[in-house]
């Protein structure tokens, strides 16, 4: 949220590793970026 309390972005953060996260202006964008972040970890995280 911004200072006015309005939702500006959505964040998905892995419980296992909080450095793996996806942000986006919509839930769909955030999920896509989160999926990419998980995929970029290769075999260390299996989707």
ModelCIF file with pLDDT and N, C-alpha, C, O atoms, coordinates in Angstrom:
data_MODEL
#
_entry.id   MODEL 
#
_entity.id                         1 
_entity.type                       polymer 
_entity.pdbx_number_of_molecules   1 
#
_entity_poly.entity_id                      1 
_entity_poly.type                           'polypeptide(L)' 
_entity_poly.nstd_linkage                   no 
_entity_poly.nstd_monomer                   no 
_entity_poly.pdbx_seq_one_letter_code       
;(UNK)(UNK)(UNK)(UNK)(UNK)(UNK)(UNK)(UNK)(UNK)(UNK)(UNK)(UNK)(UNK)(UNK)(UNK)(UNK)
(UNK)(UNK)(UNK)(UNK)(UNK)(UNK)(UNK)(UNK)(UNK)(UNK)(UNK)(UNK)(UNK)(UNK)(UNK)(UNK)
(UNK)(UNK)(UNK)(UNK)(UNK)(UNK)(UNK)(UNK)(UNK)(UNK)(UNK)(UNK)(UNK)(UNK)(UNK)
;
_entity_poly.pdbx_seq_one_letter_code_can   XXXXXXXXXXXXXXXXXXXXXXXXXXXXXXXXXXXXXXXXXXXXXXX 
_entity_poly.pdbx_strand_id                 A 
#
loop_
_entity_poly_seq.entity_id 
_entity_poly_seq.num 
_entity_poly_seq.mon_id 
_entity_poly_seq.hetero 
1 1  UNK n 
1 2  UNK n 
1 3  UNK n 
1 4  UNK n 
1 5  UNK n 
1 6  UNK n 
1 7  UNK n 
1 8  UNK n 
1 9  UNK n 
1 10 UNK n 
1 11 UNK n 
1 12 UNK n 
1 13 UNK n 
1 14 UNK n 
1 15 UNK n 
1 16 UNK n 
1 17 UNK n 
1 18 UNK n 
1 19 UNK n 
1 20 UNK n 
1 21 UNK n 
1 22 UNK n 
1 23 UNK n 
1 24 UNK n 
1 25 UNK n 
1 26 UNK n 
1 27 UNK n 
1 28 UNK n 
1 29 UNK n 
1 30 UNK n 
1 31 UNK n 
1 32 UNK n 
1 33 UNK n 
1 34 UNK n 
1 35 UNK n 
1 36 UNK n 
1 37 UNK n 
1 38 UNK n 
1 39 UNK n 
1 40 UNK n 
1 41 UNK n 
1 42 UNK n 
1 43 UNK n 
1 44 UNK n 
1 45 UNK n 
1 46 UNK n 
1 47 UNK n 
#
_struct_asym.id          A 
_struct_asym.entity_id   1 
#
loop_
_ma_qa_metric.id 
_ma_qa_metric.mode 
_ma_qa_metric.name 
_ma_qa_metric.software_group_id 
_ma_qa_metric.type 
1 global pLDDT . pLDDT 
2 local  pLDDT . pLDDT 
#
_ma_qa_metric_global.metric_id      1 
_ma_qa_metric_global.metric_value   82.72 
_ma_qa_metric_global.model_id       1 
_ma_qa_metric_global.ordinal_id     1 
#
loop_
_ma_qa_metric_local.label_asym_id 
_ma_qa_metric_local.label_comp_id 
_ma_qa_metric_local.label_seq_id 
_ma_qa_metric_local.metric_id 
_ma_qa_metric_local.metric_value 
_ma_qa_metric_local.model_id 
_ma_qa_metric_local.ordinal_id 
A UNK 1  2 94.00 1 1  
A UNK 2  2 92.00 1 2  
A UNK 3  2 90.00 1 3  
A UNK 4  2 86.00 1 4  
A UNK 5  2 86.00 1 5  
A UNK 6  2 87.00 1 6  
A UNK 7  2 90.00 1 7  
A UNK 8  2 93.00 1 8  
A UNK 9  2 95.00 1 9  
A UNK 10 2 95.00 1 10 
A UNK 11 2 96.00 1 11 
A UNK 12 2 96.00 1 12 
A UNK 13 2 95.00 1 13 
A UNK 14 2 93.00 1 14 
A UNK 15 2 91.00 1 15 
A UNK 16 2 89.00 1 16 
A UNK 17 2 89.00 1 17 
A UNK 18 2 91.00 1 18 
A UNK 19 2 91.00 1 19 
A UNK 20 2 92.00 1 20 
A UNK 21 2 93.00 1 21 
A UNK 22 2 94.00 1 22 
A UNK 23 2 95.00 1 23 
A UNK 24 2 92.00 1 24 
A UNK 25 2 90.00 1 25 
A UNK 26 2 88.00 1 26 
A UNK 27 2 88.00 1 27 
A UNK 28 2 83.00 1 28 
A UNK 29 2 85.00 1 29 
A UNK 30 2 91.00 1 30 
A UNK 31 2 87.00 1 31 
A UNK 32 2 82.00 1 32 
A UNK 33 2 88.00 1 33 
A UNK 34 2 89.00 1 34 
A UNK 35 2 83.00 1 35 
A UNK 36 2 81.00 1 36 
A UNK 37 2 86.00 1 37 
A UNK 38 2 84.00 1 38 
A UNK 39 2 75.00 1 39 
A UNK 40 2 75.00 1 40 
A UNK 41 2 67.00 1 41 
A UNK 42 2 54.00 1 42 
A UNK 43 2 33.00 1 43 
A UNK 44 2 42.00 1 44 
A UNK 45 2 42.00 1 45 
A UNK 46 2 44.00 1 46 
A UNK 47 2 46.00 1 47 
#
loop_
_atom_site.group_PDB 
_atom_site.id 
_atom_site.type_symbol 
_atom_site.label_atom_id 
_atom_site.label_alt_id 
_atom_site.label_comp_id 
_atom_site.label_asym_id 
_atom_site.label_entity_id 
_atom_site.label_seq_id 
_atom_site.pdbx_PDB_ins_code 
_atom_site.Cartn_x 
_atom_site.Cartn_y 
_atom_site.Cartn_z 
_atom_site.occupancy 
_atom_site.B_iso_or_equiv 
_atom_site.pdbx_formal_charge 
_atom_site.auth_seq_id 
_atom_site.auth_comp_id 
_atom_site.auth_asym_id 
_atom_site.auth_atom_id 
_atom_site.pdbx_PDB_model_num 
ATOM 1   N N  . UNK A 1 1  ? 0.831  -1.209  0.000   1.00 94.00 ? 1  UNK A N  1 
ATOM 2   C CA . UNK A 1 1  ? 0.000  0.000   0.000   1.00 94.00 ? 1  UNK A CA 1 
ATOM 3   C C  . UNK A 1 1  ? 0.863  1.255   0.000   1.00 94.00 ? 1  UNK A C  1 
ATOM 4   O O  . UNK A 1 1  ? 1.996  1.266   0.480   1.00 94.00 ? 1  UNK A O  1 
ATOM 5   N N  . UNK A 1 2  ? 0.274  2.316   -0.563  1.00 92.00 ? 2  UNK A N  1 
ATOM 6   C CA . UNK A 1 2  ? 0.946  3.617   -0.460  1.00 92.00 ? 2  UNK A CA 1 
ATOM 7   C C  . UNK A 1 2  ? 0.522  4.293   0.844   1.00 92.00 ? 2  UNK A C  1 
ATOM 8   O O  . UNK A 1 2  ? -0.196 3.704   1.651   1.00 92.00 ? 2  UNK A O  1 
ATOM 9   N N  . UNK A 1 3  ? 0.970  5.525   1.041   1.00 90.00 ? 3  UNK A N  1 
ATOM 10  C CA . UNK A 1 3  ? 0.691  6.221   2.300   1.00 90.00 ? 3  UNK A CA 1 
ATOM 11  C C  . UNK A 1 3  ? -0.797 6.508   2.487   1.00 90.00 ? 3  UNK A C  1 
ATOM 12  O O  . UNK A 1 3  ? -1.258 6.698   3.613   1.00 90.00 ? 3  UNK A O  1 
ATOM 13  N N  . UNK A 1 4  ? -1.549 6.539   1.384   1.00 86.00 ? 4  UNK A N  1 
ATOM 14  C CA . UNK A 1 4  ? -2.986 6.783   1.469   1.00 86.00 ? 4  UNK A CA 1 
ATOM 15  C C  . UNK A 1 4  ? -3.765 5.513   1.791   1.00 86.00 ? 4  UNK A C  1 
ATOM 16  O O  . UNK A 1 4  ? -4.983 5.548   1.963   1.00 86.00 ? 4  UNK A O  1 
ATOM 17  N N  . UNK A 1 5  ? -3.051 4.390   1.872   1.00 86.00 ? 5  UNK A N  1 
ATOM 18  C CA . UNK A 1 5  ? -3.710 3.135   2.186   1.00 86.00 ? 5  UNK A CA 1 
ATOM 19  C C  . UNK A 1 5  ? -4.292 2.421   0.985   1.00 86.00 ? 5  UNK A C  1 
ATOM 20  O O  . UNK A 1 5  ? -5.069 1.479   1.142   1.00 86.00 ? 5  UNK A O  1 
ATOM 21  N N  . UNK A 1 6  ? -3.924 2.857   -0.222  1.00 87.00 ? 6  UNK A N  1 
ATOM 22  C CA . UNK A 1 6  ? -4.439 2.234   -1.439  1.00 87.00 ? 6  UNK A CA 1 
ATOM 23  C C  . UNK A 1 6  ? -3.489 1.131   -1.896  1.00 87.00 ? 6  UNK A C  1 
ATOM 24  O O  . UNK A 1 6  ? -2.268 1.282   -1.838  1.00 87.00 ? 6  UNK A O  1 
ATOM 25  N N  . UNK A 1 7  ? -4.061 0.028   -2.349  1.00 90.00 ? 7  UNK A N  1 
ATOM 26  C CA . UNK A 1 7  ? -3.248 -1.100  -2.822  1.00 90.00 ? 7  UNK A CA 1 
ATOM 27  C C  . UNK A 1 7  ? -2.634 -0.754  -4.169  1.00 90.00 ? 7  UNK A C  1 
ATOM 28  O O  . UNK A 1 7  ? -3.348 -0.463  -5.129  1.00 90.00 ? 7  UNK A O  1 
ATOM 29  N N  . UNK A 1 8  ? -1.320 -0.786  -4.236  1.00 93.00 ? 8  UNK A N  1 
ATOM 30  C CA . UNK A 1 8  ? -0.592 -0.457  -5.466  1.00 93.00 ? 8  UNK A CA 1 
ATOM 31  C C  . UNK A 1 8  ? 0.009  -1.683  -6.138  1.00 93.00 ? 8  UNK A C  1 
ATOM 32  O O  . UNK A 1 8  ? 0.116  -1.741  -7.363  1.00 93.00 ? 8  UNK A O  1 
ATOM 33  N N  . UNK A 1 9  ? 0.404  -2.669  -5.320  1.00 95.00 ? 9  UNK A N  1 
ATOM 34  C CA . UNK A 1 9  ? 1.024  -3.861  -5.881  1.00 95.00 ? 9  UNK A CA 1 
ATOM 35  C C  . UNK A 1 9  ? 0.630  -5.082  -5.049  1.00 95.00 ? 9  UNK A C  1 
ATOM 36  O O  . UNK A 1 9  ? 0.105  -4.971  -3.942  1.00 95.00 ? 9  UNK A O  1 
ATOM 37  N N  . UNK A 1 10 ? 0.906  -6.247  -5.630  1.00 95.00 ? 10 UNK A N  1 
ATOM 38  C CA . UNK A 1 10 ? 0.678  -7.521  -4.955  1.00 95.00 ? 10 UNK A CA 1 
ATOM 39  C C  . UNK A 1 10 ? 2.007  -8.272  -4.928  1.00 95.00 ? 10 UNK A C  1 
ATOM 40  O O  . UNK A 1 10 ? 2.775  -8.230  -5.889  1.00 95.00 ? 10 UNK A O  1 
ATOM 41  N N  . UNK A 1 11 ? 2.265  -8.957  -3.820  1.00 96.00 ? 11 UNK A N  1 
ATOM 42  C CA . UNK A 1 11 ? 3.530  -9.691  -3.684  1.00 96.00 ? 11 UNK A CA 1 
ATOM 43  C C  . UNK A 1 11 ? 3.268  -11.135 -3.286  1.00 96.00 ? 11 UNK A C  1 
ATOM 44  O O  . UNK A 1 11 ? 2.457  -11.412 -2.402  1.00 96.00 ? 11 UNK A O  1 
ATOM 45  N N  . UNK A 1 12 ? 3.968  -12.056 -3.954  1.00 96.00 ? 12 UNK A N  1 
ATOM 46  C CA . UNK A 1 12 ? 4.001  -13.470 -3.597  1.00 96.00 ? 12 UNK A CA 1 
ATOM 47  C C  . UNK A 1 12 ? 5.416  -13.761 -3.108  1.00 96.00 ? 12 UNK A C  1 
ATOM 48  O O  . UNK A 1 12 ? 6.383  -13.514 -3.829  1.00 96.00 ? 12 UNK A O  1 
ATOM 49  N N  . UNK A 1 13 ? 5.547  -14.279 -1.901  1.00 95.00 ? 13 UNK A N  1 
ATOM 50  C CA . UNK A 1 13 ? 6.867  -14.553 -1.328  1.00 95.00 ? 13 UNK A CA 1 
ATOM 51  C C  . UNK A 1 13 ? 6.909  -15.998 -0.843  1.00 95.00 ? 13 UNK A C  1 
ATOM 52  O O  . UNK A 1 13 ? 6.028  -16.438 -0.104  1.00 95.00 ? 13 UNK A O  1 
ATOM 53  N N  . UNK A 1 14 ? 7.925  -16.721 -1.256  1.00 93.00 ? 14 UNK A N  1 
ATOM 54  C CA . UNK A 1 14 ? 8.075  -18.117 -0.843  1.00 93.00 ? 14 UNK A CA 1 
ATOM 55  C C  . UNK A 1 14 ? 8.355  -18.200 0.653   1.00 93.00 ? 14 UNK A C  1 
ATOM 56  O O  . UNK A 1 14 ? 9.207  -17.480 1.174   1.00 93.00 ? 14 UNK A O  1 
ATOM 57  N N  . UNK A 1 15 ? 7.634  -19.081 1.339   1.00 91.00 ? 15 UNK A N  1 
ATOM 58  C CA . UNK A 1 15 ? 7.885  -19.299 2.761   1.00 91.00 ? 15 UNK A CA 1 
ATOM 59  C C  . UNK A 1 15 ? 9.246  -19.956 2.950   1.00 91.00 ? 15 UNK A C  1 
ATOM 60  O O  . UNK A 1 15 ? 9.957  -19.650 3.907   1.00 91.00 ? 15 UNK A O  1 
ATOM 61  N N  . UNK A 1 16 ? 9.613  -20.863 2.035   1.00 89.00 ? 16 UNK A N  1 
ATOM 62  C CA . UNK A 1 16 ? 10.873 -21.585 2.156   1.00 89.00 ? 16 UNK A CA 1 
ATOM 63  C C  . UNK A 1 16 ? 12.088 -20.678 1.984   1.00 89.00 ? 16 UNK A C  1 
ATOM 64  O O  . UNK A 1 16 ? 13.108 -20.865 2.648   1.00 89.00 ? 16 UNK A O  1 
ATOM 65  N N  . UNK A 1 17 ? 11.975 -19.689 1.085   1.00 89.00 ? 17 UNK A N  1 
ATOM 66  C CA . UNK A 1 17 ? 13.104 -18.798 0.786   1.00 89.00 ? 17 UNK A CA 1 
ATOM 67  C C  . UNK A 1 17 ? 12.547 -17.432 0.406   1.00 89.00 ? 17 UNK A C  1 
ATOM 68  O O  . UNK A 1 17 ? 12.052 -17.246 -0.705  1.00 89.00 ? 17 UNK A O  1 
ATOM 69  N N  . UNK A 1 18 ? 12.629 -16.469 1.340   1.00 91.00 ? 18 UNK A N  1 
ATOM 70  C CA . UNK A 1 18 ? 11.979 -15.179 1.095   1.00 91.00 ? 18 UNK A CA 1 
ATOM 71  C C  . UNK A 1 18 ? 12.672 -14.328 0.033   1.00 91.00 ? 18 UNK A C  1 
ATOM 72  O O  . UNK A 1 18 ? 12.203 -13.239 -0.298  1.00 91.00 ? 18 UNK A O  1 
ATOM 73  N N  . UNK A 1 19 ? 13.804 -14.832 -0.506  1.00 91.00 ? 19 UNK A N  1 
ATOM 74  C CA . UNK A 1 19 ? 14.416 -14.118 -1.632  1.00 91.00 ? 19 UNK A CA 1 
ATOM 75  C C  . UNK A 1 19 ? 13.710 -14.458 -2.951  1.00 91.00 ? 19 UNK A C  1 
ATOM 76  O O  . UNK A 1 19 ? 13.916 -13.794 -3.967  1.00 91.00 ? 19 UNK A O  1 
ATOM 77  N N  . UNK A 1 20 ? 12.883 -15.494 -2.915  1.00 92.00 ? 20 UNK A N  1 
ATOM 78  C CA . UNK A 1 20 ? 12.094 -15.862 -4.098  1.00 92.00 ? 20 UNK A CA 1 
ATOM 79  C C  . UNK A 1 20 ? 10.749 -15.179 -3.985  1.00 92.00 ? 20 UNK A C  1 
ATOM 80  O O  . UNK A 1 20 ? 9.936  -15.544 -3.136  1.00 92.00 ? 20 UNK A O  1 
ATOM 81  N N  . UNK A 1 21 ? 10.509 -14.201 -4.821  1.00 93.00 ? 21 UNK A N  1 
ATOM 82  C CA . UNK A 1 21 ? 9.259  -13.463 -4.748  1.00 93.00 ? 21 UNK A CA 1 
ATOM 83  C C  . UNK A 1 21 ? 8.857  -12.949 -6.121  1.00 93.00 ? 21 UNK A C  1 
ATOM 84  O O  . UNK A 1 21 ? 9.682  -12.806 -7.023  1.00 93.00 ? 21 UNK A O  1 
ATOM 85  N N  . UNK A 1 22 ? 7.577  -12.679 -6.251  1.00 94.00 ? 22 UNK A N  1 
ATOM 86  C CA . UNK A 1 22 ? 7.039  -12.097 -7.474  1.00 94.00 ? 22 UNK A CA 1 
ATOM 87  C C  . UNK A 1 22 ? 6.150  -10.928 -7.137  1.00 94.00 ? 22 UNK A C  1 
ATOM 88  O O  . UNK A 1 22 ? 5.262  -11.042 -6.293  1.00 94.00 ? 22 UNK A O  1 
ATOM 89  N N  . UNK A 1 23 ? 6.380  -9.795  -7.791  1.00 95.00 ? 23 UNK A N  1 
ATOM 90  C CA . UNK A 1 23 ? 5.577  -8.597  -7.577  1.00 95.00 ? 23 UNK A CA 1 
ATOM 91  C C  . UNK A 1 23 ? 4.868  -8.218  -8.867  1.00 95.00 ? 23 UNK A C  1 
ATOM 92  O O  . UNK A 1 23 ? 5.356  -8.501  -9.961  1.00 95.00 ? 23 UNK A O  1 
ATOM 93  N N  . UNK A 1 24 ? 3.730  -7.584  -8.732  1.00 92.00 ? 24 UNK A N  1 
ATOM 94  C CA . UNK A 1 24 ? 3.001  -7.124  -9.897  1.00 92.00 ? 24 UNK A CA 1 
ATOM 95  C C  . UNK A 1 24 ? 1.896  -6.172  -9.484  1.00 92.00 ? 24 UNK A C  1 
ATOM 96  O O  . UNK A 1 24 ? 1.488  -6.133  -8.323  1.00 92.00 ? 24 UNK A O  1 
ATOM 97  N N  . UNK A 1 25 ? 1.416  -5.400  -10.458 1.00 90.00 ? 25 UNK A N  1 
ATOM 98  C CA . UNK A 1 25 ? 0.327  -4.468  -10.168 1.00 90.00 ? 25 UNK A CA 1 
ATOM 99  C C  . UNK A 1 25 ? -1.000 -5.194  -10.013 1.00 90.00 ? 25 UNK A C  1 
ATOM 100 O O  . UNK A 1 25 ? -1.943 -4.646  -9.441  1.00 90.00 ? 25 UNK A O  1 
ATOM 101 N N  . UNK A 1 26 ? -1.083 -6.424  -10.518 1.00 88.00 ? 26 UNK A N  1 
ATOM 102 C CA . UNK A 1 26 ? -2.268 -7.253  -10.351 1.00 88.00 ? 26 UNK A CA 1 
ATOM 103 C C  . UNK A 1 26 ? -1.848 -8.608  -9.799  1.00 88.00 ? 26 UNK A C  1 
ATOM 104 O O  . UNK A 1 26 ? -0.668 -8.959  -9.803  1.00 88.00 ? 26 UNK A O  1 
ATOM 105 N N  . UNK A 1 27 ? -2.834 -9.360  -9.326  1.00 88.00 ? 27 UNK A N  1 
ATOM 106 C CA . UNK A 1 27 ? -2.531 -10.696 -8.817  1.00 88.00 ? 27 UNK A CA 1 
ATOM 107 C C  . UNK A 1 27 ? -1.958 -11.585 -9.922  1.00 88.00 ? 27 UNK A C  1 
ATOM 108 O O  . UNK A 1 27 ? -1.055 -12.389 -9.689  1.00 88.00 ? 27 UNK A O  1 
ATOM 109 N N  . UNK A 1 28 ? -2.499 -11.423 -11.122 1.00 83.00 ? 28 UNK A N  1 
ATOM 110 C CA . UNK A 1 28 ? -2.042 -12.233 -12.238 1.00 83.00 ? 28 UNK A CA 1 
ATOM 111 C C  . UNK A 1 28 ? -0.582 -11.943 -12.596 1.00 83.00 ? 28 UNK A C  1 
ATOM 112 O O  . UNK A 1 28 ? 0.199  -12.858 -12.858 1.00 83.00 ? 28 UNK A O  1 
ATOM 113 N N  . UNK A 1 29 ? -0.228 -10.653 -12.601 1.00 85.00 ? 29 UNK A N  1 
ATOM 114 C CA . UNK A 1 29 ? 1.164  -10.281 -12.885 1.00 85.00 ? 29 UNK A CA 1 
ATOM 115 C C  . UNK A 1 29 ? 2.110  -10.808 -11.809 1.00 85.00 ? 29 UNK A C  1 
ATOM 116 O O  . UNK A 1 29 ? 3.192  -11.315 -12.107 1.00 85.00 ? 29 UNK A O  1 
ATOM 117 N N  . UNK A 1 30 ? 1.685  -10.679 -10.565 1.00 91.00 ? 30 UNK A N  1 
ATOM 118 C CA . UNK A 1 30 ? 2.519  -11.133 -9.459  1.00 91.00 ? 30 UNK A CA 1 
ATOM 119 C C  . UNK A 1 30 ? 2.718  -12.647 -9.511  1.00 91.00 ? 30 UNK A C  1 
ATOM 120 O O  . UNK A 1 30 ? 3.819  -13.137 -9.260  1.00 91.00 ? 30 UNK A O  1 
ATOM 121 N N  . UNK A 1 31 ? 1.651  -13.394 -9.838  1.00 87.00 ? 31 UNK A N  1 
ATOM 122 C CA . UNK A 1 31 ? 1.762  -14.841 -9.919  1.00 87.00 ? 31 UNK A CA 1 
ATOM 123 C C  . UNK A 1 31 ? 2.693  -15.257 -11.056 1.00 87.00 ? 31 UNK A C  1 
ATOM 124 O O  . UNK A 1 31 ? 3.496  -16.177 -10.900 1.00 87.00 ? 31 UNK A O  1 
ATOM 125 N N  . UNK A 1 32 ? 2.584  -14.579 -12.201 1.00 82.00 ? 32 UNK A N  1 
ATOM 126 C CA . UNK A 1 32 ? 3.461  -14.903 -13.331 1.00 82.00 ? 32 UNK A CA 1 
ATOM 127 C C  . UNK A 1 32 ? 4.927  -14.664 -12.961 1.00 82.00 ? 32 UNK A C  1 
ATOM 128 O O  . UNK A 1 32 ? 5.790  -15.488 -13.263 1.00 82.00 ? 32 UNK A O  1 
ATOM 129 N N  . UNK A 1 33 ? 5.202  -13.537 -12.308 1.00 88.00 ? 33 UNK A N  1 
ATOM 130 C CA . UNK A 1 33 ? 6.582  -13.233 -11.908 1.00 88.00 ? 33 UNK A CA 1 
ATOM 131 C C  . UNK A 1 33 ? 7.075  -14.199 -10.825 1.00 88.00 ? 33 UNK A C  1 
ATOM 132 O O  . UNK A 1 33 ? 8.254  -14.550 -10.784 1.00 88.00 ? 33 UNK A O  1 
ATOM 133 N N  . UNK A 1 34 ? 6.168  -14.616 -9.963  1.00 89.00 ? 34 UNK A N  1 
ATOM 134 C CA . UNK A 1 34 ? 6.532  -15.584 -8.914  1.00 89.00 ? 34 UNK A CA 1 
ATOM 135 C C  . UNK A 1 34 ? 6.853  -16.937 -9.537  1.00 89.00 ? 34 UNK A C  1 
ATOM 136 O O  . UNK A 1 34 ? 7.794  -17.615 -9.126  1.00 89.00 ? 34 UNK A O  1 
ATOM 137 N N  . UNK A 1 35 ? 6.061  -17.317 -10.532 1.00 83.00 ? 35 UNK A N  1 
ATOM 138 C CA . UNK A 1 35 ? 6.319  -18.572 -11.225 1.00 83.00 ? 35 UNK A CA 1 
ATOM 139 C C  . UNK A 1 35 ? 7.689  -18.540 -11.905 1.00 83.00 ? 35 UNK A C  1 
ATOM 140 O O  . UNK A 1 35 ? 8.435  -19.519 -11.873 1.00 83.00 ? 35 UNK A O  1 
ATOM 141 N N  . UNK A 1 36 ? 8.004  -17.401 -12.519 1.00 81.00 ? 36 UNK A N  1 
ATOM 142 C CA . UNK A 1 36 ? 9.307  -17.248 -13.168 1.00 81.00 ? 36 UNK A CA 1 
ATOM 143 C C  . UNK A 1 36 ? 10.440 -17.328 -12.146 1.00 81.00 ? 36 UNK A C  1 
ATOM 144 O O  . UNK A 1 36 ? 11.488 -17.919 -12.408 1.00 81.00 ? 36 UNK A O  1 
ATOM 145 N N  . UNK A 1 37 ? 10.211 -16.722 -10.970 1.00 86.00 ? 37 UNK A N  1 
ATOM 146 C CA . UNK A 1 37 ? 11.239 -16.741 -9.927  1.00 86.00 ? 37 UNK A CA 1 
ATOM 147 C C  . UNK A 1 37 ? 11.479 -18.161 -9.434  1.00 86.00 ? 37 UNK A C  1 
ATOM 148 O O  . UNK A 1 37 ? 12.620 -18.549 -9.184  1.00 86.00 ? 37 UNK A O  1 
ATOM 149 N N  . UNK A 1 38 ? 10.395 -18.945 -9.291  1.00 84.00 ? 38 UNK A N  1 
ATOM 150 C CA . UNK A 1 38 ? 10.548 -20.333 -8.881  1.00 84.00 ? 38 UNK A CA 1 
ATOM 151 C C  . UNK A 1 38 ? 11.281 -21.140 -9.955  1.00 84.00 ? 38 UNK A C  1 
ATOM 152 O O  . UNK A 1 38 ? 12.163 -21.945 -9.656  1.00 84.00 ? 38 UNK A O  1 
ATOM 153 N N  . UNK A 1 39 ? 10.897 -20.905 -11.207 1.00 75.00 ? 39 UNK A N  1 
ATOM 154 C CA . UNK A 1 39 ? 11.513 -21.644 -12.313 1.00 75.00 ? 39 UNK A CA 1 
ATOM 155 C C  . UNK A 1 39 ? 12.997 -21.333 -12.434 1.00 75.00 ? 39 UNK A C  1 
ATOM 156 O O  . UNK A 1 39 ? 13.789 -22.211 -12.776 1.00 75.00 ? 39 UNK A O  1 
ATOM 157 N N  . UNK A 1 40 ? 13.378 -20.101 -12.160 1.00 75.00 ? 40 UNK A N  1 
ATOM 158 C CA . UNK A 1 40 ? 14.776 -19.688 -12.321 1.00 75.00 ? 40 UNK A CA 1 
ATOM 159 C C  . UNK A 1 40 ? 15.700 -20.380 -11.334 1.00 75.00 ? 40 UNK A C  1 
ATOM 160 O O  . UNK A 1 40 ? 16.920 -20.346 -11.491 1.00 75.00 ? 40 UNK A O  1 
ATOM 161 N N  . UNK A 1 41 ? 15.113 -21.017 -10.305 1.00 67.00 ? 41 UNK A N  1 
ATOM 162 C CA . UNK A 1 41 ? 15.933 -21.715 -9.314  1.00 67.00 ? 41 UNK A CA 1 
ATOM 163 C C  . UNK A 1 41 ? 16.324 -23.112 -9.782  1.00 67.00 ? 41 UNK A C  1 
ATOM 164 O O  . UNK A 1 41 ? 17.034 -23.832 -9.081  1.00 67.00 ? 41 UNK A O  1 
ATOM 165 N N  . UNK A 1 42 ? 15.861 -23.488 -10.959 1.00 54.00 ? 42 UNK A N  1 
ATOM 166 C CA . UNK A 1 42 ? 16.235 -24.786 -11.507 1.00 54.00 ? 42 UNK A CA 1 
ATOM 167 C C  . UNK A 1 42 ? 15.715 -25.929 -10.679 1.00 54.00 ? 42 UNK A C  1 
ATOM 168 O O  . UNK A 1 42 ? 14.549 -25.937 -10.284 1.00 54.00 ? 42 UNK A O  1 
ATOM 169 N N  . UNK A 1 43 ? 16.580 -26.911 -10.406 1.00 33.00 ? 43 UNK A N  1 
ATOM 170 C CA . UNK A 1 43 ? 16.163 -28.122 -9.707  1.00 33.00 ? 43 UNK A CA 1 
ATOM 171 C C  . UNK A 1 43 ? 16.043 -27.939 -8.195  1.00 33.00 ? 43 UNK A C  1 
ATOM 172 O O  . UNK A 1 43 ? 15.565 -28.834 -7.498  1.00 33.00 ? 43 UNK A O  1 
ATOM 173 N N  . UNK A 1 44 ? 16.478 -26.769 -7.682  1.00 42.00 ? 44 UNK A N  1 
ATOM 174 C CA . UNK A 1 44 ? 16.424 -26.579 -6.238  1.00 42.00 ? 44 UNK A CA 1 
ATOM 175 C C  . UNK A 1 44 ? 14.988 -26.450 -5.739  1.00 42.00 ? 44 UNK A C  1 
ATOM 176 O O  . UNK A 1 44 ? 14.690 -26.772 -4.589  1.00 42.00 ? 44 UNK A O  1 
ATOM 177 N N  . UNK A 1 45 ? 14.116 -25.986 -6.599  1.00 42.00 ? 45 UNK A N  1 
ATOM 178 C CA . UNK A 1 45 ? 12.703 -25.893 -6.252  1.00 42.00 ? 45 UNK A CA 1 
ATOM 179 C C  . UNK A 1 45 ? 11.897 -26.473 -7.392  1.00 42.00 ? 45 UNK A C  1 
ATOM 180 O O  . UNK A 1 45 ? 11.944 -25.975 -8.517  1.00 42.00 ? 45 UNK A O  1 
ATOM 181 N N  . UNK A 1 46 ? 11.157 -27.527 -7.097  1.00 44.00 ? 46 UNK A N  1 
ATOM 182 C CA . UNK A 1 46 ? 10.355 -28.182 -8.121  1.00 44.00 ? 46 UNK A CA 1 
ATOM 183 C C  . UNK A 1 46 ? 8.916  -27.695 -8.036  1.00 44.00 ? 46 UNK A C  1 
ATOM 184 O O  . UNK A 1 46 ? 8.287  -27.805 -6.984  1.00 44.00 ? 46 UNK A O  1 
ATOM 185 N N  . UNK A 1 47 ? 8.388  -27.160 -9.130  1.00 46.00 ? 47 UNK A N  1 
ATOM 186 C CA . UNK A 1 47 ? 7.003  -26.684 -9.145  1.00 46.00 ? 47 UNK A CA 1 
ATOM 187 C C  . UNK A 1 47 ? 6.073  -27.874 -9.270  1.00 46.00 ? 47 UNK A C  1 
ATOM 188 O O  . UNK A 1 47 ? 4.854  -27.704 -9.302  1.00 46.00 ? 47 UNK A O  1 
#
